[in-house]
N, C-alpha and C. Protein backbone atom coordinates (compact mmCIF):
# COMPACT_ATOMS: atom_id res chain seq x y z
N MET A 1 0.37 -0.96 0.08
CA MET A 1 -0.01 -0.11 -0.58
C MET A 1 0.70 1.47 -0.12
N ALA A 2 0.28 2.32 -0.57
CA ALA A 2 1.40 3.51 -0.76
C ALA A 2 0.92 3.88 0.63
N ASN A 3 1.98 5.15 0.79
CA ASN A 3 1.74 6.14 1.79
C ASN A 3 1.09 7.33 1.77
N PRO A 4 -0.09 7.48 2.35
CA PRO A 4 -1.76 8.32 2.02
C PRO A 4 -0.73 9.72 1.96
N ALA A 5 0.56 10.06 2.51
CA ALA A 5 1.11 11.47 2.24
C ALA A 5 1.44 11.59 1.17
N ASP A 6 1.67 10.49 0.35
CA ASP A 6 2.48 10.38 -0.93
C ASP A 6 1.45 10.84 -2.24
N VAL A 7 0.20 10.80 -1.87
CA VAL A 7 -1.08 10.40 -2.57
C VAL A 7 -0.97 11.33 -3.51
N ASP A 8 -1.02 11.70 -4.91
CA ASP A 8 -1.15 13.11 -4.98
C ASP A 8 -2.74 13.29 -5.51
N GLU A 9 -3.38 14.21 -4.66
CA GLU A 9 -4.51 14.25 -4.96
C GLU A 9 -5.22 14.63 -6.32
N THR A 10 -4.54 15.34 -7.35
CA THR A 10 -4.72 15.54 -8.67
C THR A 10 -5.10 14.55 -9.23
N ASN A 11 -4.49 13.10 -8.73
CA ASN A 11 -4.51 12.19 -9.97
C ASN A 11 -5.43 10.96 -8.85
N VAL A 12 -6.27 11.11 -8.20
CA VAL A 12 -7.48 10.55 -7.03
C VAL A 12 -8.83 10.61 -7.95
N TYR A 13 -9.29 9.62 -8.43
CA TYR A 13 -10.24 9.12 -9.12
C TYR A 13 -11.06 8.42 -7.82
N PRO A 14 -12.58 8.99 -7.79
CA PRO A 14 -13.14 8.12 -6.66
C PRO A 14 -13.76 6.98 -7.72
N PRO A 15 -14.04 6.05 -6.31
CA PRO A 15 -14.50 4.66 -7.72
C PRO A 15 -16.28 4.95 -7.77
N ILE A 16 -16.40 4.07 -8.42
CA ILE A 16 -17.91 3.91 -8.88
C ILE A 16 -19.10 3.81 -7.39
N GLN A 17 -19.87 4.82 -7.39
CA GLN A 17 -20.61 4.74 -6.02
C GLN A 17 -20.83 2.85 -5.48
N HIS A 18 -21.68 1.99 -6.63
CA HIS A 18 -22.54 0.83 -6.06
C HIS A 18 -20.84 0.24 -5.98
N GLN A 19 -19.98 -0.01 -6.08
CA GLN A 19 -18.37 -0.73 -6.12
C GLN A 19 -18.53 -0.71 -4.73
N THR A 20 -18.44 0.87 -4.18
CA THR A 20 -18.07 1.17 -2.51
C THR A 20 -18.72 0.13 -1.56
N LYS A 21 -19.78 -0.13 -2.09
CA LYS A 21 -20.54 -0.75 -0.64
C LYS A 21 -19.88 -2.26 -0.49
N THR A 22 -19.72 -2.79 -1.64
CA THR A 22 -18.98 -4.73 -1.38
C THR A 22 -17.42 -4.59 -1.34
N ALA A 23 -16.58 -3.21 -1.39
CA ALA A 23 -15.54 -3.20 -1.51
C ALA A 23 -14.99 -3.39 0.21
N HIS A 24 -13.65 -3.82 0.09
CA HIS A 24 -13.13 -4.26 1.14
C HIS A 24 -12.68 -3.33 1.82
N VAL A 25 -12.44 -2.12 1.09
CA VAL A 25 -11.77 -0.69 2.14
C VAL A 25 -12.67 0.39 1.13
N GLN A 26 -13.46 1.12 1.79
CA GLN A 26 -14.64 1.74 1.23
C GLN A 26 -14.51 3.10 1.29
N SER A 27 -13.57 3.48 1.72
CA SER A 27 -12.96 4.96 1.76
C SER A 27 -11.75 5.21 2.26
N MET A 28 -10.96 6.50 1.45
CA MET A 28 -9.66 6.98 1.82
C MET A 28 -9.33 7.06 3.29
N ALA A 29 -10.41 7.41 3.86
CA ALA A 29 -10.34 7.38 5.62
C ALA A 29 -10.21 6.08 6.17
N GLN A 30 -10.69 5.16 5.45
CA GLN A 30 -10.92 3.70 6.24
C GLN A 30 -9.21 3.38 5.80
N TYR A 31 -8.87 3.75 4.77
CA TYR A 31 -7.88 3.14 3.93
C TYR A 31 -6.34 4.22 4.89
N GLU A 32 -6.66 5.11 5.17
CA GLU A 32 -5.43 5.70 5.96
C GLU A 32 -5.45 5.20 7.20
N SER A 33 -6.76 4.72 7.86
CA SER A 33 -6.73 4.26 8.92
C SER A 33 -6.07 3.07 9.44
N MET A 34 -6.45 2.11 8.18
CA MET A 34 -5.99 0.35 7.87
C MET A 34 -4.04 0.99 8.45
N TYR A 35 -3.77 1.76 6.93
CA TYR A 35 -2.61 2.07 6.97
C TYR A 35 -1.80 2.33 7.92
N LYS A 36 -2.28 3.20 8.81
CA LYS A 36 -1.46 3.72 10.15
C LYS A 36 -1.18 2.38 11.25
N ARG A 37 -2.28 1.85 11.38
CA ARG A 37 -2.43 0.58 12.03
C ARG A 37 -1.53 -0.50 11.63
N SER A 38 -1.14 -0.80 10.23
CA SER A 38 -0.05 -1.71 9.87
C SER A 38 1.25 -1.05 10.33
N LEU A 39 1.29 -0.49 9.98
CA LEU A 39 2.96 0.48 10.45
C LEU A 39 3.15 0.71 12.70
N GLU A 40 1.81 0.59 13.00
CA GLU A 40 2.02 1.21 14.56
C GLU A 40 1.83 -0.30 14.76
N ASP A 41 0.89 -0.97 14.68
CA ASP A 41 0.96 -2.79 15.72
C ASP A 41 0.64 -3.55 14.18
N PRO A 42 1.70 -3.47 13.80
CA PRO A 42 1.44 -5.27 12.66
C PRO A 42 1.09 -6.29 13.14
N GLU A 43 1.55 -6.86 14.20
CA GLU A 43 1.64 -7.84 14.79
C GLU A 43 0.24 -8.04 14.89
N HIS A 44 -1.40 -7.36 15.58
CA HIS A 44 -2.22 -7.60 15.33
C HIS A 44 -3.29 -7.30 14.14
N PHE A 45 -2.67 -6.06 13.22
CA PHE A 45 -3.19 -6.08 12.18
C PHE A 45 -3.29 -6.88 10.95
N TRP A 46 -2.10 -7.82 10.44
CA TRP A 46 -1.51 -8.72 10.53
C TRP A 46 -2.43 -10.13 10.44
N GLY A 47 -2.28 -10.31 11.69
CA GLY A 47 -2.84 -11.47 12.55
C GLY A 47 -4.45 -11.44 11.97
N GLU A 48 -5.05 -10.17 12.25
CA GLU A 48 -6.49 -9.99 12.32
C GLU A 48 -6.90 -10.49 10.67
N LEU A 49 -6.31 -9.65 10.12
CA LEU A 49 -6.35 -10.10 8.26
C LEU A 49 -6.53 -11.42 8.19
N ALA A 50 -5.28 -11.99 8.30
CA ALA A 50 -5.14 -13.68 7.89
C ALA A 50 -6.28 -14.43 8.56
N ARG A 51 -6.20 -13.98 9.94
CA ARG A 51 -7.59 -14.98 10.36
C ARG A 51 -8.69 -14.66 9.83
N GLU A 52 -9.30 -13.90 9.24
CA GLU A 52 -10.56 -13.20 8.88
C GLU A 52 -10.53 -13.53 7.63
N ASN A 53 -9.20 -13.52 6.83
CA ASN A 53 -9.88 -13.87 5.05
C ASN A 53 -9.14 -15.09 4.52
N LEU A 54 -8.27 -15.78 5.66
CA LEU A 54 -7.56 -17.09 4.80
C LEU A 54 -7.92 -18.28 5.87
N ASN A 55 -8.40 -19.42 5.30
CA ASN A 55 -8.97 -20.87 5.97
C ASN A 55 -7.64 -21.48 6.54
N TRP A 56 -7.72 -21.75 7.56
CA TRP A 56 -6.32 -22.14 8.17
C TRP A 56 -6.61 -23.89 8.85
N LEU A 57 -5.64 -24.60 8.73
CA LEU A 57 -5.91 -26.18 8.72
C LEU A 57 -5.38 -25.77 10.14
N ARG A 58 -4.28 -24.91 11.30
CA ARG A 58 -4.00 -25.00 12.28
C ARG A 58 -3.51 -23.48 12.45
N ASP A 59 -4.03 -23.23 13.42
CA ASP A 59 -4.23 -21.40 13.25
C ASP A 59 -2.41 -21.38 14.07
N PHE A 60 -2.04 -19.93 13.38
CA PHE A 60 -0.40 -19.59 13.86
C PHE A 60 -0.28 -19.18 15.37
N ASP A 61 0.31 -19.39 15.70
CA ASP A 61 0.86 -19.43 17.41
C ASP A 61 1.28 -17.30 17.28
N GLN A 62 2.35 -16.97 16.45
CA GLN A 62 2.49 -15.75 16.38
C GLN A 62 2.81 -15.45 14.94
N THR A 63 2.23 -13.94 14.68
CA THR A 63 2.28 -13.54 13.36
C THR A 63 3.27 -13.36 12.81
N VAL A 64 4.54 -12.84 13.49
CA VAL A 64 5.63 -12.48 12.74
C VAL A 64 6.80 -12.84 13.60
N THR A 65 7.84 -12.82 13.40
CA THR A 65 9.15 -12.60 13.96
C THR A 65 10.27 -12.21 12.71
N GLY A 66 11.30 -11.89 13.33
CA GLY A 66 12.63 -11.40 12.88
C GLY A 66 12.32 -10.05 12.12
N THR A 67 12.89 -9.57 11.31
CA THR A 67 12.67 -8.02 10.61
C THR A 67 13.14 -8.49 9.24
N MET A 68 12.77 -7.67 8.12
CA MET A 68 13.24 -7.55 6.84
C MET A 68 14.78 -7.38 6.23
N ASP A 69 15.17 -6.24 7.67
CA ASP A 69 16.45 -5.94 7.49
C ASP A 69 17.36 -6.79 7.39
N LYS A 70 17.32 -7.52 8.77
CA LYS A 70 18.08 -9.29 8.84
C LYS A 70 18.18 -9.83 8.05
N GLY A 71 16.85 -9.71 7.09
CA GLY A 71 16.13 -11.20 6.50
C GLY A 71 16.05 -12.71 7.13
N ASP A 72 15.74 -12.49 8.39
CA ASP A 72 15.09 -13.53 9.09
C ASP A 72 13.79 -13.16 9.30
N VAL A 73 13.31 -12.75 9.00
CA VAL A 73 11.47 -12.45 8.79
C VAL A 73 10.87 -13.86 8.63
N ALA A 74 10.06 -14.27 9.52
CA ALA A 74 8.86 -15.44 9.12
C ALA A 74 7.35 -14.89 9.65
N TRP A 75 6.71 -15.49 9.17
CA TRP A 75 5.30 -14.93 8.88
C TRP A 75 4.39 -16.18 9.49
N PHE A 76 3.39 -15.88 10.21
CA PHE A 76 2.57 -16.93 10.97
C PHE A 76 2.99 -18.18 11.35
N LEU A 77 3.79 -18.10 12.32
CA LEU A 77 4.65 -19.45 12.67
C LEU A 77 3.79 -20.14 13.36
N ASN A 78 4.09 -21.49 12.94
CA ASN A 78 3.31 -22.93 13.06
C ASN A 78 1.69 -22.75 12.63
N GLY A 79 1.47 -22.08 11.77
CA GLY A 79 0.34 -21.83 11.17
C GLY A 79 0.51 -23.03 9.82
N GLN A 80 -0.62 -23.38 9.76
CA GLN A 80 -0.75 -24.51 8.36
C GLN A 80 -1.96 -23.97 7.57
N THR A 81 -2.11 -23.74 6.25
CA THR A 81 -2.66 -23.42 5.72
C THR A 81 -2.73 -24.56 4.11
N ASN A 82 -3.47 -24.21 3.43
CA ASN A 82 -3.74 -24.87 2.11
C ASN A 82 -3.73 -23.48 1.00
N VAL A 83 -2.76 -23.82 -0.01
CA VAL A 83 -3.13 -22.13 -0.91
C VAL A 83 -3.97 -22.67 -1.69
N SER A 84 -4.25 -23.93 -2.02
CA SER A 84 -5.21 -24.33 -3.24
C SER A 84 -6.58 -23.63 -2.47
N VAL A 85 -6.86 -24.14 -1.73
CA VAL A 85 -8.45 -23.99 -0.54
C VAL A 85 -7.98 -22.71 -0.58
N ASN A 86 -7.00 -21.87 -0.20
CA ASN A 86 -7.80 -20.00 -0.10
C ASN A 86 -7.78 -19.37 -1.57
N CYS A 87 -6.77 -19.79 -2.67
CA CYS A 87 -7.14 -19.22 -3.71
C CYS A 87 -7.91 -20.26 -4.73
N ILE A 88 -8.16 -20.97 -4.67
CA ILE A 88 -8.82 -21.56 -5.81
C ILE A 88 -10.52 -21.99 -5.09
N ASP A 89 -10.21 -23.22 -4.43
CA ASP A 89 -11.26 -23.59 -3.74
C ASP A 89 -12.28 -23.46 -3.08
N ARG A 90 -11.89 -22.13 -2.22
CA ARG A 90 -13.20 -21.50 -1.63
C ARG A 90 -13.89 -20.72 -2.79
N HIS A 91 -13.38 -19.89 -3.74
CA HIS A 91 -14.20 -19.41 -4.48
C HIS A 91 -14.95 -20.14 -5.50
N LEU A 92 -14.29 -21.48 -5.97
CA LEU A 92 -15.38 -22.16 -6.61
C LEU A 92 -16.53 -22.52 -5.99
N THR A 93 -16.69 -23.01 -5.11
CA THR A 93 -17.87 -23.34 -4.61
C THR A 93 -19.30 -22.35 -4.68
N ARG A 94 -18.73 -20.90 -4.36
CA ARG A 94 -19.41 -20.04 -4.83
C ARG A 94 -19.49 -19.98 -6.26
N SER A 95 -18.85 -19.76 -7.02
CA SER A 95 -18.70 -19.84 -8.22
C SER A 95 -19.74 -21.03 -8.54
N VAL A 96 -19.75 -22.40 -8.39
CA VAL A 96 -20.67 -23.28 -8.45
C VAL A 96 -22.35 -23.18 -8.41
N ARG A 97 -22.11 -22.58 -7.01
CA ARG A 97 -23.60 -22.27 -6.59
C ARG A 97 -23.89 -21.16 -7.31
N ALA A 98 -23.31 -20.20 -7.79
CA ALA A 98 -24.36 -19.03 -8.95
C ALA A 98 -24.34 -19.86 -9.95
N ALA A 99 -23.73 -20.80 -10.57
CA ALA A 99 -24.06 -21.11 -11.62
C ALA A 99 -24.96 -22.02 -11.91
N ARG A 100 -25.12 -22.89 -10.97
CA ARG A 100 -25.97 -23.78 -10.64
C ARG A 100 -27.33 -22.94 -10.83
N LEU A 101 -27.74 -21.67 -10.22
CA LEU A 101 -29.08 -21.18 -9.81
C LEU A 101 -29.04 -20.27 -11.21
N ARG A 102 -27.96 -20.04 -11.93
CA ARG A 102 -28.36 -19.73 -13.34
C ARG A 102 -29.08 -20.68 -14.41
N MET A 103 -28.24 -21.91 -14.09
CA MET A 103 -28.65 -22.75 -14.93
C MET A 103 -30.24 -23.10 -14.44
N GLN A 104 -30.38 -23.20 -13.42
CA GLN A 104 -31.66 -23.86 -12.75
C GLN A 104 -33.04 -22.43 -13.23
N SER A 105 -32.51 -21.31 -13.37
CA SER A 105 -33.53 -20.08 -13.85
C SER A 105 -33.86 -20.25 -15.13
N CYS A 106 -32.68 -20.87 -16.04
CA CYS A 106 -32.74 -20.71 -17.72
C CYS A 106 -33.84 -21.83 -17.84
N TRP A 107 -33.25 -22.92 -17.01
CA TRP A 107 -34.63 -24.61 -17.68
C TRP A 107 -36.03 -23.74 -17.05
N LYS A 108 -36.25 -23.34 -16.04
CA LYS A 108 -37.37 -22.98 -15.45
C LYS A 108 -38.13 -21.75 -16.70
N ARG A 109 -37.32 -20.90 -16.92
CA ARG A 109 -37.64 -20.03 -17.81
C ARG A 109 -38.28 -21.19 -19.16
N ARG A 110 -37.77 -21.87 -19.48
CA ARG A 110 -37.66 -22.68 -20.97
C ARG A 110 -38.49 -23.79 -20.54
N VAL A 111 -38.94 -24.11 -19.39
CA VAL A 111 -40.01 -25.29 -18.94
C VAL A 111 -41.42 -24.35 -18.93
N GLU A 112 -41.52 -22.99 -18.66
CA GLU A 112 -42.92 -22.51 -18.32
C GLU A 112 -42.98 -21.95 -20.05
């Protein structure tokens, strides 16, 4: 994420209104708040996001250890997840369900 202080206000384009209702970040104020929190309390900020947005087979004990400066950084210690489930499988269930509903609707219209 870019530093909010570095954003040139002349190049900011507001999103289409109906898109903000379903967006994960719904305003610049929310973005700035999240950005600030990610810097001030990264352990809790990233831990909460990981727990809320990813499926875990085994929860992690610690969000992060080490530093990028030393090159010994490690994330989500002792946690176990399945990348395929998080990137593909959980989205397929929604897509398949939506596709089935569309097909049922088409078939129903043809029968009537």
